[in-house]
Amino acid sequence: MAALLEQAGISYDKYIKGLGVNPIANFADTKNDFLIEFVHSCGIIN
């Protein structure tokens, strides 16, 4: 889904830049996988 969003013009890089220096992951079990966090921030996954 993250790759699909990129293909549709939704920028993962812009999302990462917006996180700042010390990003906090929403999910304890994703090992700070920010692709998962990116898609979650778009409201696509829960």
ModelCIF file with pLDDT and N, C-alpha, C, O atoms, coordinates in Angstrom:
data_MODEL
#
_entry.id   MODEL 
#
_entity.id                         1 
_entity.type                       polymer 
_entity.pdbx_number_of_molecules   1 
#
_entity_poly.entity_id                      1 
_entity_poly.type                           'polypeptide(L)' 
_entity_poly.nstd_linkage                   no 
_entity_poly.nstd_monomer                   no 
_entity_poly.pdbx_seq_one_letter_code       MAALLEQAGISYDKYIKGLGVNPIANFADTKNDFLIEFVHSCGIIN 
_entity_poly.pdbx_seq_one_letter_code_can   MAALLEQAGISYDKYIKGLGVNPIANFADTKNDFLIEFVHSCGIIN 
_entity_poly.pdbx_strand_id                 A 
#
loop_
_entity_poly_seq.entity_id 
_entity_poly_seq.num 
_entity_poly_seq.mon_id 
_entity_poly_seq.hetero 
1 1  MET n 
1 2  ALA n 
1 3  ALA n 
1 4  LEU n 
1 5  LEU n 
1 6  GLU n 
1 7  GLN n 
1 8  ALA n 
1 9  GLY n 
1 10 ILE n 
1 11 SER n 
1 12 TYR n 
1 13 ASP n 
1 14 LYS n 
1 15 TYR n 
1 16 ILE n 
1 17 LYS n 
1 18 GLY n 
1 19 LEU n 
1 20 GLY n 
1 21 VAL n 
1 22 ASN n 
1 23 PRO n 
1 24 ILE n 
1 25 ALA n 
1 26 ASN n 
1 27 PHE n 
1 28 ALA n 
1 29 ASP n 
1 30 THR n 
1 31 LYS n 
1 32 ASN n 
1 33 ASP n 
1 34 PHE n 
1 35 LEU n 
1 36 ILE n 
1 37 GLU n 
1 38 PHE n 
1 39 VAL n 
1 40 HIS n 
1 41 SER n 
1 42 CYS n 
1 43 GLY n 
1 44 ILE n 
1 45 ILE n 
1 46 ASN n 
#
_struct_asym.id          A 
_struct_asym.entity_id   1 
#
loop_
_ma_qa_metric.id 
_ma_qa_metric.mode 
_ma_qa_metric.name 
_ma_qa_metric.software_group_id 
_ma_qa_metric.type 
1 global pLDDT . pLDDT 
2 local  pLDDT . pLDDT 
#
_ma_qa_metric_global.metric_id      1 
_ma_qa_metric_global.metric_value   87.46 
_ma_qa_metric_global.model_id       1 
_ma_qa_metric_global.ordinal_id     1 
#
loop_
_ma_qa_metric_local.label_asym_id 
_ma_qa_metric_local.label_comp_id 
_ma_qa_metric_local.label_seq_id 
_ma_qa_metric_local.metric_id 
_ma_qa_metric_local.metric_value 
_ma_qa_metric_local.model_id 
_ma_qa_metric_local.ordinal_id 
A MET 1  2 97.00 1 1  
A ALA 2  2 95.00 1 2  
A ALA 3  2 95.00 1 3  
A LEU 4  2 95.00 1 4  
A LEU 5  2 94.00 1 5  
A GLU 6  2 93.00 1 6  
A GLN 7  2 92.00 1 7  
A ALA 8  2 92.00 1 8  
A GLY 9  2 90.00 1 9  
A ILE 10 2 90.00 1 10 
A SER 11 2 88.00 1 11 
A TYR 12 2 87.00 1 12 
A ASP 13 2 86.00 1 13 
A LYS 14 2 85.00 1 14 
A TYR 15 2 85.00 1 15 
A ILE 16 2 82.00 1 16 
A LYS 17 2 81.00 1 17 
A GLY 18 2 80.00 1 18 
A LEU 19 2 77.00 1 19 
A GLY 20 2 74.00 1 20 
A VAL 21 2 66.00 1 21 
A ASN 22 2 68.00 1 22 
A PRO 23 2 73.00 1 23 
A ILE 24 2 73.00 1 24 
A ALA 25 2 79.00 1 25 
A ASN 26 2 85.00 1 26 
A PHE 27 2 91.00 1 27 
A ALA 28 2 91.00 1 28 
A ASP 29 2 95.00 1 29 
A THR 30 2 92.00 1 30 
A LYS 31 2 85.00 1 31 
A ASN 32 2 81.00 1 32 
A ASP 33 2 90.00 1 33 
A PHE 34 2 89.00 1 34 
A LEU 35 2 91.00 1 35 
A ILE 36 2 93.00 1 36 
A GLU 37 2 90.00 1 37 
A PHE 38 2 91.00 1 38 
A VAL 39 2 94.00 1 39 
A HIS 40 2 92.00 1 40 
A SER 41 2 90.00 1 41 
A CYS 42 2 92.00 1 42 
A GLY 43 2 92.00 1 43 
A ILE 44 2 95.00 1 44 
A ILE 45 2 94.00 1 45 
A ASN 46 2 93.00 1 46 
#
loop_
_atom_site.group_PDB 
_atom_site.id 
_atom_site.type_symbol 
_atom_site.label_atom_id 
_atom_site.label_alt_id 
_atom_site.label_comp_id 
_atom_site.label_asym_id 
_atom_site.label_entity_id 
_atom_site.label_seq_id 
_atom_site.pdbx_PDB_ins_code 
_atom_site.Cartn_x 
_atom_site.Cartn_y 
_atom_site.Cartn_z 
_atom_site.occupancy 
_atom_site.B_iso_or_equiv 
_atom_site.pdbx_formal_charge 
_atom_site.auth_seq_id 
_atom_site.auth_comp_id 
_atom_site.auth_asym_id 
_atom_site.auth_atom_id 
_atom_site.pdbx_PDB_model_num 
ATOM 1   N N  . MET A 1 1  ? 0.831  -1.207 0.000  1.00 97.00 ? 1  MET A N  1 
ATOM 2   C CA . MET A 1 1  ? 0.000  0.000  0.000  1.00 97.00 ? 1  MET A CA 1 
ATOM 3   C C  . MET A 1 1  ? 0.867  1.259  0.000  1.00 97.00 ? 1  MET A C  1 
ATOM 4   O O  . MET A 1 1  ? 0.499  2.258  -0.619 1.00 97.00 ? 1  MET A O  1 
ATOM 5   N N  . ALA A 1 2  ? 2.009  1.225  0.682  1.00 95.00 ? 2  ALA A N  1 
ATOM 6   C CA . ALA A 1 2  ? 2.929  2.368  0.666  1.00 95.00 ? 2  ALA A CA 1 
ATOM 7   C C  . ALA A 1 2  ? 3.452  2.602  -0.748 1.00 95.00 ? 2  ALA A C  1 
ATOM 8   O O  . ALA A 1 2  ? 3.533  3.744  -1.199 1.00 95.00 ? 2  ALA A O  1 
ATOM 9   N N  . ALA A 1 3  ? 3.804  1.533  -1.442 1.00 95.00 ? 3  ALA A N  1 
ATOM 10  C CA . ALA A 1 3  ? 4.278  1.657  -2.828 1.00 95.00 ? 3  ALA A CA 1 
ATOM 11  C C  . ALA A 1 3  ? 3.168  2.190  -3.730 1.00 95.00 ? 3  ALA A C  1 
ATOM 12  O O  . ALA A 1 3  ? 3.426  3.004  -4.617 1.00 95.00 ? 3  ALA A O  1 
ATOM 13  N N  . LEU A 1 4  ? 1.951  1.741  -3.509 1.00 95.00 ? 4  LEU A N  1 
ATOM 14  C CA . LEU A 1 4  ? 0.815  2.218  -4.280 1.00 95.00 ? 4  LEU A CA 1 
ATOM 15  C C  . LEU A 1 4  ? 0.616  3.719  -4.053 1.00 95.00 ? 4  LEU A C  1 
ATOM 16  O O  . LEU A 1 4  ? 0.387  4.465  -5.005 1.00 95.00 ? 4  LEU A O  1 
ATOM 17  N N  . LEU A 1 5  ? 0.703  4.156  -2.804 1.00 94.00 ? 5  LEU A N  1 
ATOM 18  C CA . LEU A 1 5  ? 0.560  5.581  -2.500 1.00 94.00 ? 5  LEU A CA 1 
ATOM 19  C C  . LEU A 1 5  ? 1.634  6.399  -3.208 1.00 94.00 ? 5  LEU A C  1 
ATOM 20  O O  . LEU A 1 5  ? 1.350  7.466  -3.751 1.00 94.00 ? 5  LEU A O  1 
ATOM 21  N N  . GLU A 1 6  ? 2.865  5.898  -3.200 1.00 93.00 ? 6  GLU A N  1 
ATOM 22  C CA . GLU A 1 6  ? 3.953  6.588  -3.901 1.00 93.00 ? 6  GLU A CA 1 
ATOM 23  C C  . GLU A 1 6  ? 3.633  6.708  -5.399 1.00 93.00 ? 6  GLU A C  1 
ATOM 24  O O  . GLU A 1 6  ? 3.835  7.761  -6.003 1.00 93.00 ? 6  GLU A O  1 
ATOM 25  N N  . GLN A 1 7  ? 3.130  5.616  -5.986 1.00 92.00 ? 7  GLN A N  1 
ATOM 26  C CA . GLN A 1 7  ? 2.765  5.633  -7.410 1.00 92.00 ? 7  GLN A CA 1 
ATOM 27  C C  . GLN A 1 7  ? 1.653  6.641  -7.687 1.00 92.00 ? 7  GLN A C  1 
ATOM 28  O O  . GLN A 1 7  ? 1.578  7.215  -8.773 1.00 92.00 ? 7  GLN A O  1 
ATOM 29  N N  . ALA A 1 8  ? 0.798  6.847  -6.698 1.00 92.00 ? 8  ALA A N  1 
ATOM 30  C CA . ALA A 1 8  ? -0.317 7.794  -6.845 1.00 92.00 ? 8  ALA A CA 1 
ATOM 31  C C  . ALA A 1 8  ? 0.090  9.221  -6.485 1.00 92.00 ? 8  ALA A C  1 
ATOM 32  O O  . ALA A 1 8  ? -0.739 10.130 -6.523 1.00 92.00 ? 8  ALA A O  1 
ATOM 33  N N  . GLY A 1 9  ? 1.371  9.424  -6.134 1.00 90.00 ? 9  GLY A N  1 
ATOM 34  C CA . GLY A 1 9  ? 1.870  10.765 -5.872 1.00 90.00 ? 9  GLY A CA 1 
ATOM 35  C C  . GLY A 1 9  ? 1.880  11.204 -4.422 1.00 90.00 ? 9  GLY A C  1 
ATOM 36  O O  . GLY A 1 9  ? 2.102  12.382 -4.141 1.00 90.00 ? 9  GLY A O  1 
ATOM 37  N N  . ILE A 1 10 ? 1.643  10.282 -3.484 1.00 90.00 ? 10 ILE A N  1 
ATOM 38  C CA . ILE A 1 10 ? 1.693  10.606 -2.060 1.00 90.00 ? 10 ILE A CA 1 
ATOM 39  C C  . ILE A 1 10 ? 3.105  10.307 -1.571 1.00 90.00 ? 10 ILE A C  1 
ATOM 40  O O  . ILE A 1 10 ? 3.550  9.160  -1.622 1.00 90.00 ? 10 ILE A O  1 
ATOM 41  N N  . SER A 1 11 ? 3.806  11.321 -1.102 1.00 88.00 ? 11 SER A N  1 
ATOM 42  C CA . SER A 1 11 ? 5.234  11.216 -0.831 1.00 88.00 ? 11 SER A CA 1 
ATOM 43  C C  . SER A 1 11 ? 5.565  10.663 0.553  1.00 88.00 ? 11 SER A C  1 
ATOM 44  O O  . SER A 1 11 ? 5.224  11.256 1.576  1.00 88.00 ? 11 SER A O  1 
ATOM 45  N N  . TYR A 1 12 ? 6.235  9.518  0.557  1.00 87.00 ? 12 TYR A N  1 
ATOM 46  C CA . TYR A 1 12 ? 6.764  8.953  1.796  1.00 87.00 ? 12 TYR A CA 1 
ATOM 47  C C  . TYR A 1 12 ? 7.881  9.842  2.338  1.00 87.00 ? 12 TYR A C  1 
ATOM 48  O O  . TYR A 1 12 ? 7.983  10.040 3.549  1.00 87.00 ? 12 TYR A O  1 
ATOM 49  N N  . ASP A 1 13 ? 8.710  10.373 1.458  1.00 86.00 ? 13 ASP A N  1 
ATOM 50  C CA . ASP A 1 13 ? 9.821  11.232 1.891  1.00 86.00 ? 13 ASP A CA 1 
ATOM 51  C C  . ASP A 1 13 ? 9.302  12.462 2.625  1.00 86.00 ? 13 ASP A C  1 
ATOM 52  O O  . ASP A 1 13 ? 9.867  12.864 3.642  1.00 86.00 ? 13 ASP A O  1 
ATOM 53  N N  . LYS A 1 14 ? 8.230  13.059 2.115  1.00 85.00 ? 14 LYS A N  1 
ATOM 54  C CA . LYS A 1 14 ? 7.635  14.218 2.778  1.00 85.00 ? 14 LYS A CA 1 
ATOM 55  C C  . LYS A 1 14 ? 7.118  13.822 4.160  1.00 85.00 ? 14 LYS A C  1 
ATOM 56  O O  . LYS A 1 14 ? 7.258  14.578 5.122  1.00 85.00 ? 14 LYS A O  1 
ATOM 57  N N  . TYR A 1 15 ? 6.522  12.639 4.254  1.00 85.00 ? 15 TYR A N  1 
ATOM 58  C CA . TYR A 1 15 ? 6.033  12.137 5.543  1.00 85.00 ? 15 TYR A CA 1 
ATOM 59  C C  . TYR A 1 15 ? 7.199  11.999 6.526  1.00 85.00 ? 15 TYR A C  1 
ATOM 60  O O  . TYR A 1 15 ? 7.104  12.454 7.665  1.00 85.00 ? 15 TYR A O  1 
ATOM 61  N N  . ILE A 1 16 ? 8.286  11.380 6.094  1.00 82.00 ? 16 ILE A N  1 
ATOM 62  C CA . ILE A 1 16 ? 9.455  11.164 6.955  1.00 82.00 ? 16 ILE A CA 1 
ATOM 63  C C  . ILE A 1 16 ? 10.032 12.502 7.419  1.00 82.00 ? 16 ILE A C  1 
ATOM 64  O O  . ILE A 1 16 ? 10.367 12.657 8.594  1.00 82.00 ? 16 ILE A O  1 
ATOM 65  N N  . LYS A 1 17 ? 10.149 13.453 6.519  1.00 81.00 ? 17 LYS A N  1 
ATOM 66  C CA . LYS A 1 17 ? 10.669 14.772 6.895  1.00 81.00 ? 17 LYS A CA 1 
ATOM 67  C C  . LYS A 1 17 ? 9.790  15.433 7.948  1.00 81.00 ? 17 LYS A C  1 
ATOM 68  O O  . LYS A 1 17 ? 10.288 16.147 8.818  1.00 81.00 ? 17 LYS A O  1 
ATOM 69  N N  . GLY A 1 18 ? 8.484  15.195 7.869  1.00 80.00 ? 18 GLY A N  1 
ATOM 70  C CA . GLY A 1 18 ? 7.546  15.774 8.826  1.00 80.00 ? 18 GLY A CA 1 
ATOM 71  C C  . GLY A 1 18 ? 7.616  15.154 10.210 1.00 80.00 ? 18 GLY A C  1 
ATOM 72  O O  . GLY A 1 18 ? 7.092  15.719 11.170 1.00 80.00 ? 18 GLY A O  1 
ATOM 73  N N  . LEU A 1 19 ? 8.255  14.003 10.322 1.00 77.00 ? 19 LEU A N  1 
ATOM 74  C CA . LEU A 1 19 ? 8.334  13.327 11.621 1.00 77.00 ? 19 LEU A CA 1 
ATOM 75  C C  . LEU A 1 19 ? 9.312  14.011 12.570 1.00 77.00 ? 19 LEU A C  1 
ATOM 76  O O  . LEU A 1 19 ? 9.177  13.897 13.789 1.00 77.00 ? 19 LEU A O  1 
ATOM 77  N N  . GLY A 1 20 ? 10.276 14.706 12.030 1.00 74.00 ? 20 GLY A N  1 
ATOM 78  C CA . GLY A 1 20 ? 11.259 15.372 12.877 1.00 74.00 ? 20 GLY A CA 1 
ATOM 79  C C  . GLY A 1 20 ? 12.373 14.439 13.304 1.00 74.00 ? 20 GLY A C  1 
ATOM 80  O O  . GLY A 1 20 ? 12.538 13.351 12.751 1.00 74.00 ? 20 GLY A O  1 
ATOM 81  N N  . VAL A 1 21 ? 13.137 14.877 14.296 1.00 66.00 ? 21 VAL A N  1 
ATOM 82  C CA . VAL A 1 21 ? 14.347 14.181 14.720 1.00 66.00 ? 21 VAL A CA 1 
ATOM 83  C C  . VAL A 1 21 ? 14.060 12.912 15.514 1.00 66.00 ? 21 VAL A C  1 
ATOM 84  O O  . VAL A 1 21 ? 14.752 11.911 15.327 1.00 66.00 ? 21 VAL A O  1 
ATOM 85  N N  . ASN A 1 22 ? 13.075 12.921 16.381 1.00 68.00 ? 22 ASN A N  1 
ATOM 86  C CA . ASN A 1 22 ? 12.792 11.777 17.239 1.00 68.00 ? 22 ASN A CA 1 
ATOM 87  C C  . ASN A 1 22 ? 11.379 11.248 17.020 1.00 68.00 ? 22 ASN A C  1 
ATOM 88  O O  . ASN A 1 22 ? 10.497 11.467 17.850 1.00 68.00 ? 22 ASN A O  1 
ATOM 89  N N  . PRO A 1 23 ? 11.164 10.558 15.910 1.00 73.00 ? 23 PRO A N  1 
ATOM 90  C CA . PRO A 1 23 ? 9.811  10.063 15.642 1.00 73.00 ? 23 PRO A CA 1 
ATOM 91  C C  . PRO A 1 23 ? 9.397  8.986  16.643 1.00 73.00 ? 23 PRO A C  1 
ATOM 92  O O  . PRO A 1 23 ? 10.226 8.228  17.147 1.00 73.00 ? 23 PRO A O  1 
ATOM 93  N N  . ILE A 1 24 ? 8.116  8.941  16.912 1.00 73.00 ? 24 ILE A N  1 
ATOM 94  C CA . ILE A 1 24 ? 7.557  7.947  17.824 1.00 73.00 ? 24 ILE A CA 1 
ATOM 95  C C  . ILE A 1 24 ? 6.650  7.035  17.023 1.00 73.00 ? 24 ILE A C  1 
ATOM 96  O O  . ILE A 1 24 ? 5.760  7.504  16.314 1.00 73.00 ? 24 ILE A O  1 
ATOM 97  N N  . ALA A 1 25 ? 6.869  5.743  17.133 1.00 79.00 ? 25 ALA A N  1 
ATOM 98  C CA . ALA A 1 25 ? 6.042  4.771  16.423 1.00 79.00 ? 25 ALA A CA 1 
ATOM 99  C C  . ALA A 1 25 ? 4.722  4.565  17.161 1.00 79.00 ? 25 ALA A C  1 
ATOM 100 O O  . ALA A 1 25 ? 4.678  4.567  18.391 1.00 79.00 ? 25 ALA A O  1 
ATOM 101 N N  . ASN A 1 26 ? 3.655  4.387  16.398 1.00 85.00 ? 26 ASN A N  1 
ATOM 102 C CA . ASN A 1 26 ? 2.343  4.113  16.983 1.00 85.00 ? 26 ASN A CA 1 
ATOM 103 C C  . ASN A 1 26 ? 2.229  2.677  17.478 1.00 85.00 ? 26 ASN A C  1 
ATOM 104 O O  . ASN A 1 26 ? 1.542  2.407  18.463 1.00 85.00 ? 26 ASN A O  1 
ATOM 105 N N  . PHE A 1 27 ? 2.900  1.760  16.796 1.00 91.00 ? 27 PHE A N  1 
ATOM 106 C CA . PHE A 1 27 ? 2.765  0.340  17.108 1.00 91.00 ? 27 PHE A CA 1 
ATOM 107 C C  . PHE A 1 27 ? 4.041  -0.197 17.744 1.00 91.00 ? 27 PHE A C  1 
ATOM 108 O O  . PHE A 1 27 ? 5.140  0.012  17.231 1.00 91.00 ? 27 PHE A O  1 
ATOM 109 N N  . ALA A 1 28 ? 3.884  -0.882 18.853 1.00 91.00 ? 28 ALA A N  1 
ATOM 110 C CA . ALA A 1 28 ? 5.037  -1.424 19.584 1.00 91.00 ? 28 ALA A CA 1 
ATOM 111 C C  . ALA A 1 28 ? 5.689  -2.597 18.851 1.00 91.00 ? 28 ALA A C  1 
ATOM 112 O O  . ALA A 1 28 ? 6.860  -2.895 19.085 1.00 91.00 ? 28 ALA A O  1 
ATOM 113 N N  . ASP A 1 29 ? 4.949  -3.259 17.973 1.00 95.00 ? 29 ASP A N  1 
ATOM 114 C CA . ASP A 1 29 ? 5.459  -4.486 17.351 1.00 95.00 ? 29 ASP A CA 1 
ATOM 115 C C  . ASP A 1 29 ? 5.940  -4.319 15.913 1.00 95.00 ? 29 ASP A C  1 
ATOM 116 O O  . ASP A 1 29 ? 6.131  -5.315 15.216 1.00 95.00 ? 29 ASP A O  1 
ATOM 117 N N  . THR A 1 30 ? 6.138  -3.097 15.458 1.00 92.00 ? 30 THR A N  1 
ATOM 118 C CA . THR A 1 30 ? 6.584  -2.911 14.075 1.00 92.00 ? 30 THR A CA 1 
ATOM 119 C C  . THR A 1 30 ? 8.053  -2.526 13.952 1.00 92.00 ? 30 THR A C  1 
ATOM 120 O O  . THR A 1 30 ? 8.546  -2.278 12.852 1.00 92.00 ? 30 THR A O  1 
ATOM 121 N N  . LYS A 1 31 ? 8.747  -2.477 15.076 1.00 85.00 ? 31 LYS A N  1 
ATOM 122 C CA . LYS A 1 31 ? 10.184 -2.164 15.081 1.00 85.00 ? 31 LYS A CA 1 
ATOM 123 C C  . LYS A 1 31 ? 10.477 -0.881 14.307 1.00 85.00 ? 31 LYS A C  1 
ATOM 124 O O  . LYS A 1 31 ? 11.419 -0.806 13.518 1.00 85.00 ? 31 LYS A O  1 
ATOM 125 N N  . ASN A 1 32 ? 9.636  0.126  14.559 1.00 81.00 ? 32 ASN A N  1 
ATOM 126 C CA . ASN A 1 32 ? 9.785  1.422  13.895 1.00 81.00 ? 32 ASN A CA 1 
ATOM 127 C C  . ASN A 1 32 ? 9.808  1.318  12.373 1.00 81.00 ? 32 ASN A C  1 
ATOM 128 O O  . ASN A 1 32 ? 10.566 2.026  11.711 1.00 81.00 ? 32 ASN A O  1 
ATOM 129 N N  . ASP A 1 33 ? 8.990  0.449  11.828 1.00 90.00 ? 33 ASP A N  1 
ATOM 130 C CA . ASP A 1 33 ? 8.835  0.333  10.384 1.00 90.00 ? 33 ASP A CA 1 
ATOM 131 C C  . ASP A 1 33 ? 7.981  1.515  9.939  1.00 90.00 ? 33 ASP A C  1 
ATOM 132 O O  . ASP A 1 33 ? 6.756  1.481  10.050 1.00 90.00 ? 33 ASP A O  1 
ATOM 133 N N  . PHE A 1 34 ? 8.627  2.550  9.439  1.00 89.00 ? 34 PHE A N  1 
ATOM 134 C CA . PHE A 1 34 ? 7.899  3.769  9.131  1.00 89.00 ? 34 PHE A CA 1 
ATOM 135 C C  . PHE A 1 34 ? 7.098  3.693  7.842  1.00 89.00 ? 34 PHE A C  1 
ATOM 136 O O  . PHE A 1 34 ? 6.314  4.600  7.563  1.00 89.00 ? 34 PHE A O  1 
ATOM 137 N N  . LEU A 1 35 ? 7.265  2.645  7.046  1.00 91.00 ? 35 LEU A N  1 
ATOM 138 C CA . LEU A 1 35 ? 6.339  2.439  5.932  1.00 91.00 ? 35 LEU A CA 1 
ATOM 139 C C  . LEU A 1 35 ? 4.968  2.060  6.482  1.00 91.00 ? 35 LEU A C  1 
ATOM 140 O O  . LEU A 1 35 ? 3.942  2.538  5.998  1.00 91.00 ? 35 LEU A O  1 
ATOM 141 N N  . ILE A 1 36 ? 4.957  1.198  7.498  1.00 93.00 ? 36 ILE A N  1 
ATOM 142 C CA . ILE A 1 36 ? 3.692  0.840  8.145  1.00 93.00 ? 36 ILE A CA 1 
ATOM 143 C C  . ILE A 1 36 ? 3.088  2.074  8.807  1.00 93.00 ? 36 ILE A C  1 
ATOM 144 O O  . ILE A 1 36 ? 1.885  2.314  8.703  1.00 93.00 ? 36 ILE A O  1 
ATOM 145 N N  . GLU A 1 37 ? 3.917  2.850  9.483  1.00 90.00 ? 37 GLU A N  1 
ATOM 146 C CA . GLU A 1 37 ? 3.435  4.068  10.138 1.00 90.00 ? 37 GLU A CA 1 
ATOM 147 C C  . GLU A 1 37 ? 2.891  5.066  9.110  1.00 90.00 ? 37 GLU A C  1 
ATOM 148 O O  . GLU A 1 37 ? 1.886  5.731  9.361  1.00 90.00 ? 37 GLU A O  1 
ATOM 149 N N  . PHE A 1 38 ? 3.547  5.167  7.967  1.00 91.00 ? 38 PHE A N  1 
ATOM 150 C CA . PHE A 1 38 ? 3.112  6.048  6.876  1.00 91.00 ? 38 PHE A CA 1 
ATOM 151 C C  . PHE A 1 38 ? 1.708  5.670  6.421  1.00 91.00 ? 38 PHE A C  1 
ATOM 152 O O  . PHE A 1 38 ? 0.831  6.530  6.325  1.00 91.00 ? 38 PHE A O  1 
ATOM 153 N N  . VAL A 1 39 ? 1.493  4.396  6.142  1.00 94.00 ? 39 VAL A N  1 
ATOM 154 C CA . VAL A 1 39 ? 0.190  3.946  5.658  1.00 94.00 ? 39 VAL A CA 1 
ATOM 155 C C  . VAL A 1 39 ? -0.867 4.116  6.761  1.00 94.00 ? 39 VAL A C  1 
ATOM 156 O O  . VAL A 1 39 ? -2.018 4.451  6.480  1.00 94.00 ? 39 VAL A O  1 
ATOM 157 N N  . HIS A 1 40 ? -0.466 3.885  8.001  1.00 92.00 ? 40 HIS A N  1 
ATOM 158 C CA . HIS A 1 40 ? -1.382 4.108  9.132  1.00 92.00 ? 40 HIS A CA 1 
ATOM 159 C C  . HIS A 1 40 ? -1.765 5.581  9.229  1.00 92.00 ? 40 HIS A C  1 
ATOM 160 O O  . HIS A 1 40 ? -2.926 5.906  9.478  1.00 92.00 ? 40 HIS A O  1 
ATOM 161 N N  . SER A 1 41 ? -0.799 6.471  9.034  1.00 90.00 ? 41 SER A N  1 
ATOM 162 C CA . SER A 1 41 ? -1.073 7.914  9.126  1.00 90.00 ? 41 SER A CA 1 
ATOM 163 C C  . SER A 1 41 ? -2.056 8.371  8.053  1.00 90.00 ? 41 SER A C  1 
ATOM 164 O O  . SER A 1 41 ? -2.719 9.396  8.212  1.00 90.00 ? 41 SER A O  1 
ATOM 165 N N  . CYS A 1 42 ? -2.150 7.620  6.968  1.00 92.00 ? 42 CYS A N  1 
ATOM 166 C CA . CYS A 1 42 ? -3.098 7.929  5.892  1.00 92.00 ? 42 CYS A CA 1 
ATOM 167 C C  . CYS A 1 42 ? -4.486 7.357  6.182  1.00 92.00 ? 42 CYS A C  1 
ATOM 168 O O  . CYS A 1 42 ? -5.427 7.600  5.427  1.00 92.00 ? 42 CYS A O  1 
ATOM 169 N N  . GLY A 1 43 ? -4.613 6.605  7.264  1.00 92.00 ? 43 GLY A N  1 
ATOM 170 C CA . GLY A 1 43 ? -5.904 6.022  7.627  1.00 92.00 ? 43 GLY A CA 1 
ATOM 171 C C  . GLY A 1 43 ? -6.273 4.778  6.843  1.00 92.00 ? 43 GLY A C  1 
ATOM 172 O O  . GLY A 1 43 ? -7.439 4.385  6.804  1.00 92.00 ? 43 GLY A O  1 
ATOM 173 N N  . ILE A 1 44 ? -5.293 4.165  6.226  1.00 95.00 ? 44 ILE A N  1 
ATOM 174 C CA . ILE A 1 44 ? -5.548 2.990  5.385  1.00 95.00 ? 44 ILE A CA 1 
ATOM 175 C C  . ILE A 1 44 ? -5.502 1.701  6.186  1.00 95.00 ? 44 ILE A C  1 
ATOM 176 O O  . ILE A 1 44 ? -6.270 0.774  5.929  1.00 95.00 ? 44 ILE A O  1 
ATOM 177 N N  . ILE A 1 45 ? -4.603 1.645  7.154  1.00 94.00 ? 45 ILE A N  1 
ATOM 178 C CA . ILE A 1 45 ? -4.500 0.442  7.988  1.00 94.00 ? 45 ILE A CA 1 
ATOM 179 C C  . ILE A 1 45 ? -4.717 0.808  9.446  1.00 94.00 ? 45 ILE A C  1 
ATOM 180 O O  . ILE A 1 45 ? -4.446 1.929  9.876  1.00 94.00 ? 45 ILE A O  1 
ATOM 181 N N  . ASN A 1 46 ? -5.203 -0.149 10.178 1.00 93.00 ? 46 ASN A N  1 
ATOM 182 C CA . ASN A 1 46 ? -5.356 -0.024 11.626 1.00 93.00 ? 46 ASN A CA 1 
ATOM 183 C C  . ASN A 1 46 ? -4.613 -1.171 12.279 1.00 93.00 ? 46 ASN A C  1 
ATOM 184 O O  . ASN A 1 46 ? -4.598 -1.278 13.505 1.00 93.00 ? 46 ASN A O  1 
#
